[in-house]
Amino acid sequence: MADQTHTKGVDAVSGATPYRSGFVAVVGRPNVGKSTLINALIGMQIAIASSRPETTRKAIRGVLTTDNAQIVLVDTPGIHRPRTLLGQRLNDVVDESLADSDEIAFLLPADQEIGPGDRRILSRLRSQFATKNDDGTFKWKVPLIAIVTKIDRLNRTELVNKLIEINEFADFADIVPVSALGDDNLQEVRTVLIEHLPEGPQMYPTDQVTEERPEDAIAELVRGVLLEELDDELPHSLAVVVDSIDMPEDMDEDDAQAMHGKARVMVSIYVERDSQKPIIIGRHAEHLVRIKKRLRTPVNRLVGRKANLDLHVKVAKNWQSDPKKLDRLGF
């Protein structure tokens, strides 16, 4: 284990439990369960959880507040070798997210071998957050926590062997096995993350669960449902932008939606080629209808009232490699 010294438990002078707060960067290869874990810890969907790798494209911050701590979880895009300008910008997002971190949660799936991707991430973390000792070990400037995900896929003996392997992989301050989907050991993850945070004040209101604007959260929700609904048919070159959220009081009085007290959420879905538009829309617009139905409740919650979702599919040719288009789409 790493040589970490943290003041834990009760304050020696006052006898009170110190309040802890800070930013925890959640890192790992694409598709290791980062978004699933964050959603489970927060208790609601903050980040897209999809079986497709490289789903997260922004550093989404989820805020978890308890009686004695506030953890700001930063869901980073999976660290990978970039193939496009978008891929490079996603890696830049990871660098920015890591720079502010008080603690790092390194996710390693129990059912997969430790591979080159994991070693590349560890090397990157060491260069930024550790100094090498004379004996070849590393002293970390911030706590590095291993979170072993998907433990429901292993039997007890396999899990014990996996934990031994992970303990030898790096100088972790703590190792916590978890199954976010099965709600197995989630409380222990919360406890360990809080233990390793520095003492500090509450940074966000108690009822705030994300730092994202409603526009960004809705765009991510739409993209997440598209990924789930269309799966293999769907082009990965998909971007979603919320153009506007219009409240009834700001609309014309004779507008039908305003008369019913509903907000209007205008959303543009971008693909790279004309041939991809029908995939998104579906026959007789069936895909868009299904997506709207699934999103009705979460969108209403984010807007704070009943809302109509207005979806439009557009083409932005080769946007993943076009700097101007990437800027316009918010990357």
C-alpha atoms as a PDB file:
ATOM      1  CA  MET A   1       0.000   0.000   0.000  1.00  0.00           C
ATOM      2  CA  ALA A   2       1.121   3.593  -0.600  1.00  0.00           C
ATOM      3  CA  ASP A   3       2.586   5.622   2.245  1.00  0.00           C
ATOM      4  CA  GLN A   4      -0.457   7.821   2.877  1.00  0.00           C
ATOM      5  CA  THR A   5      -0.912   9.869   6.055  1.00  0.00           C
ATOM      6  CA  HIS A   6      -4.427  11.201   6.576  1.00  0.00           C
ATOM      7  CA  THR A   7      -6.062  12.576   9.685  1.00  0.00           C
ATOM      8  CA  LYS A   8      -9.028  10.306  10.115  1.00  0.00           C
ATOM      9  CA  GLY A   9     -11.829  10.001  12.631  1.00  0.00           C
ATOM     10  CA  VAL A  10     -12.327  12.447  15.476  1.00  0.00           C
ATOM     11  CA  ASP A  11     -10.665  15.842  15.846  1.00  0.00           C
ATOM     12  CA  ALA A  12      -8.311  15.613  18.829  1.00  0.00           C
ATOM     13  CA  VAL A  13      -9.114  19.112  20.131  1.00  0.00           C
ATOM     14  CA  SER A  14     -12.860  19.567  19.627  1.00  0.00           C
ATOM     15  CA  GLY A  15     -13.892  15.912  19.745  1.00  0.00           C
ATOM     16  CA  ALA A  16     -16.005  16.425  16.601  1.00  0.00           C
ATOM     17  CA  THR A  17     -15.725  14.485  13.337  1.00  0.00           C
ATOM     18  CA  PRO A  18     -14.031  16.864  10.851  1.00  0.00           C
ATOM     19  CA  TYR A  19     -15.934  17.778   7.690  1.00  0.00           C
ATOM     20  CA  ARG A  20     -14.220  16.580   4.529  1.00  0.00           C
ATOM     21  CA  SER A  21     -14.651  17.760   0.952  1.00  0.00           C
ATOM     22  CA  GLY A  22     -12.856  17.564  -2.357  1.00  0.00           C
ATOM     23  CA  PHE A  23     -12.726  16.465  -5.989  1.00  0.00           C
ATOM     24  CA  VAL A  24     -12.344  12.776  -6.841  1.00  0.00           C
ATOM     25  CA  ALA A  25     -11.283  12.011 -10.424  1.00  0.00           C
ATOM     26  CA  VAL A  26     -12.765   8.716 -11.581  1.00  0.00           C
ATOM     27  CA  VAL A  27     -10.359   7.232 -14.147  1.00  0.00           C
ATOM     28  CA  GLY A  28      -9.982   4.000 -16.071  1.00  0.00           C
ATOM     29  CA  ARG A  29     -10.020   2.509 -19.520  1.00  0.00           C
ATOM     30  CA  PRO A  30     -13.122   3.060 -21.658  1.00  0.00           C
ATOM     31  CA  ASN A  31     -16.074   0.886 -20.622  1.00  0.00           C
ATOM     32  CA  VAL A  32     -14.911  -0.139 -17.123  1.00  0.00           C
ATOM     33  CA  GLY A  33     -18.025   1.198 -15.374  1.00  0.00           C
ATOM     34  CA  LYS A  34     -17.065   4.784 -14.424  1.00  0.00           C
ATOM     35  CA  SER A  35     -20.448   6.312 -15.245  1.00  0.00           C
ATOM     36  CA  THR A  36     -22.362   3.379 -13.736  1.00  0.00           C
ATOM     37  CA  LEU A  37     -20.469   3.742 -10.454  1.00  0.00           C
ATOM     38  CA  ILE A  38     -20.993   7.512 -10.257  1.00  0.00           C
ATOM     39  CA  ASN A  39     -24.723   7.184 -10.974  1.00  0.00           C
ATOM     40  CA  ALA A  40     -24.996   4.494  -8.281  1.00  0.00           C
ATOM     41  CA  LEU A  41     -23.109   6.590  -5.698  1.00  0.00           C
ATOM     42  CA  ILE A  42     -25.190   9.710  -6.400  1.00  0.00           C
ATOM     43  CA  GLY A  43     -28.444   7.737  -6.535  1.00  0.00           C
ATOM     44  CA  MET A  44     -29.608   9.058  -9.919  1.00  0.00           C
ATOM     45  CA  GLN A  45     -28.412   9.255 -13.523  1.00  0.00           C
ATOM     46  CA  ILE A  46     -25.805  11.979 -13.872  1.00  0.00           C
ATOM     47  CA  ALA A  47     -23.624  10.403 -16.558  1.00  0.00           C
ATOM     48  CA  ILE A  48     -24.391   8.167 -19.534  1.00  0.00           C
ATOM     49  CA  ALA A  49     -23.866   4.512 -18.704  1.00  0.00           C
ATOM     50  CA  SER A  50     -23.591   2.465 -21.888  1.00  0.00           C
ATOM     51  CA  SER A  51     -21.964  -0.799 -22.908  1.00  0.00           C
ATOM     52  CA  ARG A  52     -20.249   1.069 -25.725  1.00  0.00           C
ATOM     53  CA  PRO A  53     -16.728   2.331 -24.969  1.00  0.00           C
ATOM     54  CA  GLU A  54     -15.854   6.052 -25.065  1.00  0.00           C
ATOM     55  CA  THR A  55     -19.418   7.021 -24.158  1.00  0.00           C
ATOM     56  CA  THR A  56     -18.516   9.850 -21.784  1.00  0.00           C
ATOM     57  CA  ARG A  57     -17.228  12.882 -23.658  1.00  0.00           C
ATOM     58  CA  LYS A  58     -17.100  15.532 -20.967  1.00  0.00           C
ATOM     59  CA  ALA A  59     -15.858  15.761 -17.391  1.00  0.00           C
ATOM     60  CA  ILE A  60     -19.240  15.451 -15.689  1.00  0.00           C
ATOM     61  CA  ARG A  61     -19.296  16.375 -12.029  1.00  0.00           C
ATOM     62  CA  GLY A  62     -21.638  14.565  -9.669  1.00  0.00           C
ATOM     63  CA  VAL A  63     -22.013  15.928  -6.146  1.00  0.00           C
ATOM     64  CA  LEU A  64     -22.529  13.514  -3.237  1.00  0.00           C
ATOM     65  CA  THR A  65     -23.304  15.188   0.105  1.00  0.00           C
ATOM     66  CA  THR A  66     -23.437  13.334   3.435  1.00  0.00           C
ATOM     67  CA  ASP A  67     -23.650  14.590   7.035  1.00  0.00           C
ATOM     68  CA  ASN A  68     -19.868  14.799   7.345  1.00  0.00           C
ATOM     69  CA  ALA A  69     -18.569  15.181   3.790  1.00  0.00           C
ATOM     70  CA  GLN A  70     -19.089  16.353   0.233  1.00  0.00           C
ATOM     71  CA  ILE A  71     -17.510  14.390  -2.619  1.00  0.00           C
ATOM     72  CA  VAL A  72     -17.406  15.947  -6.083  1.00  0.00           C
ATOM     73  CA  LEU A  73     -17.060  12.988  -8.458  1.00  0.00           C
ATOM     74  CA  VAL A  74     -15.536  13.849 -11.822  1.00  0.00           C
ATOM     75  CA  ASP A  75     -16.479  11.305 -14.492  1.00  0.00           C
ATOM     76  CA  THR A  76     -13.693  11.560 -17.058  1.00  0.00           C
ATOM     77  CA  PRO A  77     -13.762  10.267 -20.627  1.00  0.00           C
ATOM     78  CA  GLY A  78     -11.852   6.977 -20.853  1.00  0.00           C
ATOM     79  CA  ILE A  79      -8.146   7.529 -21.406  1.00  0.00           C
ATOM     80  CA  HIS A  80      -7.205   6.095 -24.791  1.00  0.00           C
ATOM     81  CA  ARG A  81      -4.951   6.603 -27.803  1.00  0.00           C
ATOM     82  CA  PRO A  82      -6.681   9.333 -29.855  1.00  0.00           C
ATOM     83  CA  ARG A  83      -7.595   8.602 -33.474  1.00  0.00           C
ATOM     84  CA  THR A  84      -9.320  11.923 -34.212  1.00  0.00           C
ATOM     85  CA  LEU A  85      -9.155  15.547 -33.079  1.00  0.00           C
ATOM     86  CA  LEU A  86     -12.167  14.740 -30.873  1.00  0.00           C
ATOM     87  CA  GLY A  87     -10.168  11.916 -29.261  1.00  0.00           C
ATOM     88  CA  GLN A  88      -7.275  14.296 -28.545  1.00  0.00           C
ATOM     89  CA  ARG A  89      -9.641  16.834 -27.000  1.00  0.00           C
ATOM     90  CA  LEU A  90     -11.175  14.120 -24.798  1.00  0.00           C
ATOM     91  CA  ASN A  91      -7.686  13.305 -23.502  1.00  0.00           C
ATOM     92  CA  ASP A  92      -7.162  17.035 -22.811  1.00  0.00           C
ATOM     93  CA  VAL A  93     -10.407  17.000 -20.781  1.00  0.00           C
ATOM     94  CA  VAL A  94      -8.945  14.185 -18.655  1.00  0.00           C
ATOM     95  CA  ASP A  95      -5.761  16.226 -18.009  1.00  0.00           C
ATOM     96  CA  GLU A  96      -7.806  19.243 -16.887  1.00  0.00           C
ATOM     97  CA  SER A  97      -9.977  17.069 -14.609  1.00  0.00           C
ATOM     98  CA  LEU A  98      -6.955  15.420 -12.999  1.00  0.00           C
ATOM     99  CA  ALA A  99      -5.203  18.722 -12.324  1.00  0.00           C
ATOM    100  CA  ASP A 100      -7.802  19.754  -9.715  1.00  0.00           C
ATOM    101  CA  SER A 101      -8.137  16.371  -8.007  1.00  0.00           C
ATOM    102  CA  ASP A 102      -7.756  15.762  -4.273  1.00  0.00           C
ATOM    103  CA  GLU A 103      -8.030  12.005  -4.781  1.00  0.00           C
ATOM    104  CA  ILE A 104      -8.064   9.525  -7.676  1.00  0.00           C
ATOM    105  CA  ALA A 105     -10.355   6.523  -7.997  1.00  0.00           C
ATOM    106  CA  PHE A 106      -8.783   4.115 -10.515  1.00  0.00           C
ATOM    107  CA  LEU A 107     -11.406   1.649 -11.787  1.00  0.00           C
ATOM    108  CA  LEU A 108     -10.248  -1.844 -12.719  1.00  0.00           C
ATOM    109  CA  PRO A 109     -12.832  -4.420 -13.837  1.00  0.00           C
ATOM    110  CA  ALA A 110     -12.651  -7.719 -11.939  1.00  0.00           C
ATOM    111  CA  ASP A 111     -13.515  -9.784 -15.012  1.00  0.00           C
ATOM    112  CA  GLN A 112     -10.709  -8.443 -17.247  1.00  0.00           C
ATOM    113  CA  GLU A 113      -6.933  -8.798 -17.225  1.00  0.00           C
ATOM    114  CA  ILE A 114      -4.801  -5.805 -16.298  1.00  0.00           C
ATOM    115  CA  GLY A 115      -3.648  -4.694 -19.740  1.00  0.00           C
ATOM    116  CA  PRO A 116      -1.605  -2.094 -21.652  1.00  0.00           C
ATOM    117  CA  GLY A 117      -4.390   0.489 -21.280  1.00  0.00           C
ATOM    118  CA  ASP A 118      -4.289   0.208 -17.484  1.00  0.00           C
ATOM    119  CA  ARG A 119      -0.498   0.444 -17.446  1.00  0.00           C
ATOM    120  CA  ARG A 120      -0.628   3.535 -19.676  1.00  0.00           C
ATOM    121  CA  ILE A 121      -3.079   5.213 -17.264  1.00  0.00           C
ATOM    122  CA  LEU A 122      -0.927   4.300 -14.254  1.00  0.00           C
ATOM    123  CA  SER A 123       2.158   5.731 -15.962  1.00  0.00           C
ATOM    124  CA  ARG A 124       0.281   8.947 -16.726  1.00  0.00           C
ATOM    125  CA  LEU A 125      -0.950   9.239 -13.125  1.00  0.00           C
ATOM    126  CA  ARG A 126       2.546   8.611 -11.747  1.00  0.00           C
ATOM    127  CA  SER A 127       4.068  11.343 -13.927  1.00  0.00           C
ATOM    128  CA  GLN A 128       1.492  13.833 -12.642  1.00  0.00           C
ATOM    129  CA  PHE A 129       0.937  12.789  -9.013  1.00  0.00           C
ATOM    130  CA  ALA A 130       3.876  10.721  -7.733  1.00  0.00           C
ATOM    131  CA  THR A 131       7.589  10.865  -7.044  1.00  0.00           C
ATOM    132  CA  LYS A 132       9.795   7.802  -7.304  1.00  0.00           C
ATOM    133  CA  ASN A 133      11.600   6.621  -4.170  1.00  0.00           C
ATOM    134  CA  ASP A 134      15.141   5.177  -4.195  1.00  0.00           C
ATOM    135  CA  ASP A 135      13.750   1.651  -3.733  1.00  0.00           C
ATOM    136  CA  GLY A 136      11.614   1.958  -6.899  1.00  0.00           C
ATOM    137  CA  THR A 137       8.313   2.506  -5.092  1.00  0.00           C
ATOM    138  CA  PHE A 138       6.224   5.638  -5.577  1.00  0.00           C
ATOM    139  CA  LYS A 139       5.103   8.269  -3.093  1.00  0.00           C
ATOM    140  CA  TRP A 140       1.758   9.744  -4.121  1.00  0.00           C
ATOM    141  CA  LYS A 141       0.863  13.413  -3.670  1.00  0.00           C
ATOM    142  CA  VAL A 142      -2.842  12.513  -3.577  1.00  0.00           C
ATOM    143  CA  PRO A 143      -4.469   9.223  -2.478  1.00  0.00           C
ATOM    144  CA  LEU A 144      -4.829   6.639  -5.258  1.00  0.00           C
ATOM    145  CA  ILE A 145      -7.769   4.294  -4.608  1.00  0.00           C
ATOM    146  CA  ALA A 146      -8.356   1.103  -6.607  1.00  0.00           C
ATOM    147  CA  ILE A 147     -12.038   0.374  -7.155  1.00  0.00           C
ATOM    148  CA  VAL A 148     -12.507  -3.146  -8.488  1.00  0.00           C
ATOM    149  CA  THR A 149     -15.743  -3.138 -10.475  1.00  0.00           C
ATOM    150  CA  LYS A 150     -18.057  -5.903 -11.736  1.00  0.00           C
ATOM    151  CA  ILE A 151     -17.231  -8.279  -8.853  1.00  0.00           C
ATOM    152  CA  ASP A 152     -20.573 -10.056  -9.396  1.00  0.00           C
ATOM    153  CA  ARG A 153     -18.944 -11.812 -12.381  1.00  0.00           C
ATOM    154  CA  LEU A 154     -16.367 -13.682 -10.236  1.00  0.00           C
ATOM    155  CA  ASN A 155     -16.604 -16.371  -7.576  1.00  0.00           C
ATOM    156  CA  ARG A 156     -14.926 -15.827  -4.176  1.00  0.00           C
ATOM    157  CA  THR A 157     -11.615 -17.523  -5.034  1.00  0.00           C
ATOM    158  CA  GLU A 158     -11.305 -15.666  -8.345  1.00  0.00           C
ATOM    159  CA  LEU A 159     -12.016 -12.358  -6.587  1.00  0.00           C
ATOM    160  CA  VAL A 160      -9.356 -12.962  -3.912  1.00  0.00           C
ATOM    161  CA  ASN A 161      -6.785 -13.703  -6.645  1.00  0.00           C
ATOM    162  CA  LYS A 162      -7.814 -10.579  -8.557  1.00  0.00           C
ATOM    163  CA  LEU A 163      -7.437  -8.384  -5.452  1.00  0.00           C
ATOM    164  CA  ILE A 164      -3.931  -9.790  -4.850  1.00  0.00           C
ATOM    165  CA  GLU A 165      -3.002  -9.046  -8.488  1.00  0.00           C
ATOM    166  CA  ILE A 166      -4.311  -5.456  -8.209  1.00  0.00           C
ATOM    167  CA  ASN A 167      -2.479  -4.900  -4.916  1.00  0.00           C
ATOM    168  CA  GLU A 168       0.769  -5.789  -6.694  1.00  0.00           C
ATOM    169  CA  PHE A 169      -0.058  -3.597  -9.716  1.00  0.00           C
ATOM    170  CA  ALA A 170       0.420  -0.242  -7.942  1.00  0.00           C
ATOM    171  CA  ASP A 171       0.897   1.460  -4.567  1.00  0.00           C
ATOM    172  CA  PHE A 172      -2.795   1.933  -3.804  1.00  0.00           C
ATOM    173  CA  ALA A 173      -3.866   3.672  -0.577  1.00  0.00           C
ATOM    174  CA  ASP A 174      -6.937   1.427  -0.527  1.00  0.00           C
ATOM    175  CA  ILE A 175      -8.583  -1.282  -2.649  1.00  0.00           C
ATOM    176  CA  VAL A 176     -12.379  -1.597  -2.677  1.00  0.00           C
ATOM    177  CA  PRO A 177     -14.317  -4.278  -4.586  1.00  0.00           C
ATOM    178  CA  VAL A 178     -17.789  -3.230  -5.778  1.00  0.00           C
ATOM    179  CA  SER A 179     -20.701  -4.158  -8.019  1.00  0.00           C
ATOM    180  CA  ALA A 180     -22.499  -0.900  -8.823  1.00  0.00           C
ATOM    181  CA  LEU A 181     -25.292  -2.653 -10.714  1.00  0.00           C
ATOM    182  CA  GLY A 182     -25.880  -5.087  -7.852  1.00  0.00           C
ATOM    183  CA  ASP A 183     -25.563  -2.336  -5.207  1.00  0.00           C
ATOM    184  CA  ASP A 184     -22.913  -4.535  -3.587  1.00  0.00           C
ATOM    185  CA  ASN A 185     -20.397  -2.727  -1.316  1.00  0.00           C
ATOM    186  CA  LEU A 186     -21.381   0.784  -2.509  1.00  0.00           C
ATOM    187  CA  GLN A 187     -21.484   2.098   1.057  1.00  0.00           C
ATOM    188  CA  GLU A 188     -17.908   0.920   1.579  1.00  0.00           C
ATOM    189  CA  VAL A 189     -16.828   2.828  -1.557  1.00  0.00           C
ATOM    190  CA  ARG A 190     -18.437   6.004  -0.161  1.00  0.00           C
ATOM    191  CA  THR A 191     -16.758   5.493   3.218  1.00  0.00           C
ATOM    192  CA  VAL A 192     -13.280   4.915   1.738  1.00  0.00           C
ATOM    193  CA  LEU A 193     -13.515   7.894  -0.642  1.00  0.00           C
ATOM    194  CA  ILE A 194     -14.571  10.173   2.236  1.00  0.00           C
ATOM    195  CA  GLU A 195     -11.791   8.858   4.528  1.00  0.00           C
ATOM    196  CA  HIS A 196      -9.121   9.896   2.048  1.00  0.00           C
ATOM    197  CA  LEU A 197     -10.490  13.384   1.325  1.00  0.00           C
ATOM    198  CA  PRO A 198      -8.825  16.407   2.930  1.00  0.00           C
ATOM    199  CA  GLU A 199     -10.679  18.386   5.589  1.00  0.00           C
ATOM    200  CA  GLY A 200     -12.596  21.222   3.968  1.00  0.00           C
ATOM    201  CA  PRO A 201     -15.903  23.097   3.762  1.00  0.00           C
ATOM    202  CA  GLN A 202     -19.090  22.167   1.891  1.00  0.00           C
ATOM    203  CA  MET A 203     -18.754  23.607  -1.624  1.00  0.00           C
ATOM    204  CA  TYR A 204     -22.217  23.040  -3.129  1.00  0.00           C
ATOM    205  CA  PRO A 205     -25.772  23.296  -1.735  1.00  0.00           C
ATOM    206  CA  THR A 206     -26.900  20.066  -0.030  1.00  0.00           C
ATOM    207  CA  ASP A 207     -29.574  19.304  -2.648  1.00  0.00           C
ATOM    208  CA  GLN A 208     -27.322  19.879  -5.690  1.00  0.00           C
ATOM    209  CA  VAL A 209     -26.307  16.611  -7.397  1.00  0.00           C
ATOM    210  CA  THR A 210     -24.511  17.866 -10.499  1.00  0.00           C
ATOM    211  CA  GLU A 211     -22.491  20.855 -11.649  1.00  0.00           C
ATOM    212  CA  GLU A 212     -23.851  20.590 -15.167  1.00  0.00           C
ATOM    213  CA  ARG A 213     -26.239  23.093 -16.721  1.00  0.00           C
ATOM    214  CA  PRO A 214     -29.673  21.608 -17.574  1.00  0.00           C
ATOM    215  CA  GLU A 215     -28.819  22.016 -21.291  1.00  0.00           C
ATOM    216  CA  ASP A 216     -25.707  19.839 -20.988  1.00  0.00           C
ATOM    217  CA  ALA A 217     -27.439  17.262 -18.794  1.00  0.00           C
ATOM    218  CA  ILE A 218     -30.349  16.927 -21.247  1.00  0.00           C
ATOM    219  CA  ALA A 219     -27.956  16.631 -24.223  1.00  0.00           C
ATOM    220  CA  GLU A 220     -26.109  13.797 -22.444  1.00  0.00           C
ATOM    221  CA  LEU A 221     -29.409  12.061 -21.588  1.00  0.00           C
ATOM    222  CA  VAL A 222     -30.565  12.195 -25.228  1.00  0.00           C
ATOM    223  CA  ARG A 223     -27.238  10.798 -26.428  1.00  0.00           C
ATOM    224  CA  GLY A 224     -27.339   8.068 -23.794  1.00  0.00           C
ATOM    225  CA  VAL A 225     -30.824   6.910 -24.781  1.00  0.00           C
ATOM    226  CA  LEU A 226     -29.841   6.931 -28.470  1.00  0.00           C
ATOM    227  CA  LEU A 227     -26.827   4.724 -27.642  1.00  0.00           C
ATOM    228  CA  GLU A 228     -29.053   2.305 -25.723  1.00  0.00           C
ATOM    229  CA  GLU A 229     -31.987   2.219 -28.132  1.00  0.00           C
ATOM    230  CA  LEU A 230     -30.086   1.881 -31.399  1.00  0.00           C
ATOM    231  CA  ASP A 231     -26.951   0.103 -30.149  1.00  0.00           C
ATOM    232  CA  ASP A 232     -25.005  -1.410 -33.078  1.00  0.00           C
ATOM    233  CA  GLU A 233     -26.922   0.464 -35.796  1.00  0.00           C
ATOM    234  CA  LEU A 234     -25.952   3.813 -34.349  1.00  0.00           C
ATOM    235  CA  PRO A 235     -22.963   5.704 -35.740  1.00  0.00           C
ATOM    236  CA  HIS A 236     -20.499   6.555 -32.977  1.00  0.00           C
ATOM    237  CA  SER A 237     -20.034   9.946 -34.652  1.00  0.00           C
ATOM    238  CA  LEU A 238     -23.068  11.336 -32.875  1.00  0.00           C
ATOM    239  CA  ALA A 239     -23.305  14.685 -31.091  1.00  0.00           C
ATOM    240  CA  VAL A 240     -26.264  16.237 -29.300  1.00  0.00           C
ATOM    241  CA  VAL A 241     -26.758  19.941 -28.554  1.00  0.00           C
ATOM    242  CA  VAL A 242     -29.662  21.558 -26.673  1.00  0.00           C
ATOM    243  CA  ASP A 243     -30.260  24.761 -28.648  1.00  0.00           C
ATOM    244  CA  SER A 244     -32.706  26.318 -26.208  1.00  0.00           C
ATOM    245  CA  ILE A 245     -35.024  25.751 -23.258  1.00  0.00           C
ATOM    246  CA  ASP A 246     -38.021  28.072 -23.626  1.00  0.00           C
ATOM    247  CA  MET A 247     -40.254  28.611 -20.612  1.00  0.00           C
ATOM    248  CA  PRO A 248     -44.015  29.224 -21.126  1.00  0.00           C
ATOM    249  CA  GLU A 249     -43.793  32.778 -19.743  1.00  0.00           C
ATOM    250  CA  ASP A 250     -41.244  33.658 -22.454  1.00  0.00           C
ATOM    251  CA  MET A 251     -43.339  32.277 -25.359  1.00  0.00           C
ATOM    252  CA  ASP A 252     -46.125  33.921 -27.352  1.00  0.00           C
ATOM    253  CA  GLU A 253     -49.423  33.840 -25.488  1.00  0.00           C
ATOM    254  CA  ASP A 254     -51.135  31.959 -28.330  1.00  0.00           C
ATOM    255  CA  ASP A 255     -48.438  29.241 -28.419  1.00  0.00           C
ATOM    256  CA  ALA A 256     -50.174  25.907 -27.715  1.00  0.00           C
ATOM    257  CA  GLN A 257     -47.416  24.701 -25.381  1.00  0.00           C
ATOM    258  CA  ALA A 258     -47.369  27.956 -23.428  1.00  0.00           C
ATOM    259  CA  MET A 259     -51.144  27.724 -22.974  1.00  0.00           C
ATOM    260  CA  HIS A 260     -50.658  24.317 -21.335  1.00  0.00           C
ATOM    261  CA  GLY A 261     -47.833  25.632 -19.120  1.00  0.00           C
ATOM    262  CA  LYS A 262     -45.166  23.484 -20.801  1.00  0.00           C
ATOM    263  CA  ALA A 263     -41.559  24.385 -21.547  1.00  0.00           C
ATOM    264  CA  ARG A 264     -40.081  23.666 -24.980  1.00  0.00           C
ATOM    265  CA  VAL A 265     -36.662  22.001 -25.250  1.00  0.00           C
ATOM    266  CA  MET A 266     -35.117  22.346 -28.720  1.00  0.00           C
ATOM    267  CA  VAL A 267     -32.512  19.645 -29.424  1.00  0.00           C
ATOM    268  CA  SER A 268     -30.236  19.110 -32.446  1.00  0.00           C
ATOM    269  CA  ILE A 269     -28.798  15.633 -33.068  1.00  0.00           C
ATOM    270  CA  TYR A 270     -25.755  15.716 -35.366  1.00  0.00           C
ATOM    271  CA  VAL A 271     -24.393  12.889 -37.515  1.00  0.00           C
ATOM    272  CA  GLU A 272     -21.523  12.956 -40.038  1.00  0.00           C
ATOM    273  CA  ARG A 273     -23.287  11.632 -43.155  1.00  0.00           C
ATOM    274  CA  ASP A 274     -26.715  11.968 -44.815  1.00  0.00           C
ATOM    275  CA  SER A 275     -27.057   8.174 -44.865  1.00  0.00           C
ATOM    276  CA  GLN A 276     -26.989   8.155 -41.022  1.00  0.00           C
ATOM    277  CA  LYS A 277     -30.062  10.367 -40.595  1.00  0.00           C
ATOM    278  CA  PRO A 278     -32.654   7.623 -41.280  1.00  0.00           C
ATOM    279  CA  ILE A 279     -30.939   5.381 -38.687  1.00  0.00           C
ATOM    280  CA  ILE A 280     -31.581   7.991 -36.000  1.00  0.00           C
ATOM    281  CA  ILE A 281     -35.099   8.945 -37.126  1.00  0.00           C
ATOM    282  CA  GLY A 282     -36.452   5.444 -37.806  1.00  0.00           C
ATOM    283  CA  ARG A 283     -39.396   4.416 -39.950  1.00  0.00           C
ATOM    284  CA  HIS A 284     -42.269   6.873 -39.464  1.00  0.00           C
ATOM    285  CA  ALA A 285     -40.004   8.625 -36.903  1.00  0.00           C
ATOM    286  CA  GLU A 286     -40.456   5.641 -34.539  1.00  0.00           C
ATOM    287  CA  HIS A 287     -37.001   6.026 -32.975  1.00  0.00           C
ATOM    288  CA  LEU A 288     -37.553   9.691 -32.114  1.00  0.00           C
ATOM    289  CA  VAL A 289     -41.001   8.920 -30.667  1.00  0.00           C
ATOM    290  CA  ARG A 290     -39.538   6.155 -28.478  1.00  0.00           C
ATOM    291  CA  ILE A 291     -36.685   8.376 -27.307  1.00  0.00           C
ATOM    292  CA  LYS A 292     -39.092  11.191 -26.353  1.00  0.00           C
ATOM    293  CA  LYS A 293     -41.219   8.779 -24.357  1.00  0.00           C
ATOM    294  CA  ARG A 294     -38.229   7.464 -22.389  1.00  0.00           C
ATOM    295  CA  LEU A 295     -36.906  10.943 -21.676  1.00  0.00           C
ATOM    296  CA  ARG A 296     -40.160  12.613 -20.619  1.00  0.00           C
ATOM    297  CA  THR A 297     -39.726  12.171 -16.856  1.00  0.00           C
ATOM    298  CA  PRO A 298     -35.960  12.901 -16.531  1.00  0.00           C
ATOM    299  CA  VAL A 299     -36.241  15.976 -18.796  1.00  0.00           C
ATOM    300  CA  ASN A 300     -39.210  17.306 -16.802  1.00  0.00           C
ATOM    301  CA  ARG A 301     -37.146  16.863 -13.638  1.00  0.00           C
ATOM    302  CA  LEU A 302     -34.164  18.754 -15.089  1.00  0.00           C
ATOM    303  CA  VAL A 303     -36.300  21.597 -16.447  1.00  0.00           C
ATOM    304  CA  GLY A 304     -38.373  21.811 -13.263  1.00  0.00           C
ATOM    305  CA  ARG A 305     -41.735  21.499 -15.018  1.00  0.00           C
ATOM    306  CA  LYS A 306     -43.491  19.590 -17.822  1.00  0.00           C
ATOM    307  CA  ALA A 307     -41.640  20.005 -21.091  1.00  0.00           C
ATOM    308  CA  ASN A 308     -41.975  19.052 -24.745  1.00  0.00           C
ATOM    309  CA  LEU A 309     -38.822  17.680 -26.371  1.00  0.00           C
ATOM    310  CA  ASP A 310     -38.352  18.900 -29.960  1.00  0.00           C
ATOM    311  CA  LEU A 311     -35.738  16.692 -31.696  1.00  0.00           C
ATOM    312  CA  HIS A 312     -34.106  17.555 -35.052  1.00  0.00           C
ATOM    313  CA  VAL A 313     -31.510  15.385 -36.834  1.00  0.00           C
ATOM    314  CA  LYS A 314     -28.842  17.320 -38.773  1.00  0.00           C
ATOM    315  CA  VAL A 315     -25.643  16.552 -40.697  1.00  0.00           C
ATOM    316  CA  ALA A 316     -22.251  18.071 -39.795  1.00  0.00           C
ATOM    317  CA  LYS A 317     -19.822  16.353 -42.150  1.00  0.00           C
ATOM    318  CA  ASN A 318     -16.650  14.945 -40.500  1.00  0.00           C
ATOM    319  CA  TRP A 319     -17.276  16.976 -37.340  1.00  0.00           C
ATOM    320  CA  GLN A 320     -14.965  14.774 -35.223  1.00  0.00           C
ATOM    321  CA  SER A 321     -11.909  16.120 -37.095  1.00  0.00           C
ATOM    322  CA  ASP A 322     -13.046  19.690 -37.826  1.00  0.00           C
ATOM    323  CA  PRO A 323     -11.858  22.209 -35.172  1.00  0.00           C
ATOM    324  CA  LYS A 324     -14.597  24.764 -35.949  1.00  0.00           C
ATOM    325  CA  LYS A 325     -17.373  22.168 -35.821  1.00  0.00           C
ATOM    326  CA  LEU A 326     -15.967  20.692 -32.592  1.00  0.00           C
ATOM    327  CA  ASP A 327     -16.012  24.169 -31.038  1.00  0.00           C
ATOM    328  CA  ARG A 328     -19.598  24.725 -32.169  1.00  0.00           C
ATOM    329  CA  LEU A 329     -20.669  21.369 -30.738  1.00  0.00           C
ATOM    330  CA  GLY A 330     -19.093  22.178 -27.381  1.00  0.00           C
ATOM    331  CA  PHE A 331     -15.883  20.100 -27.489  1.00  0.00           C
END
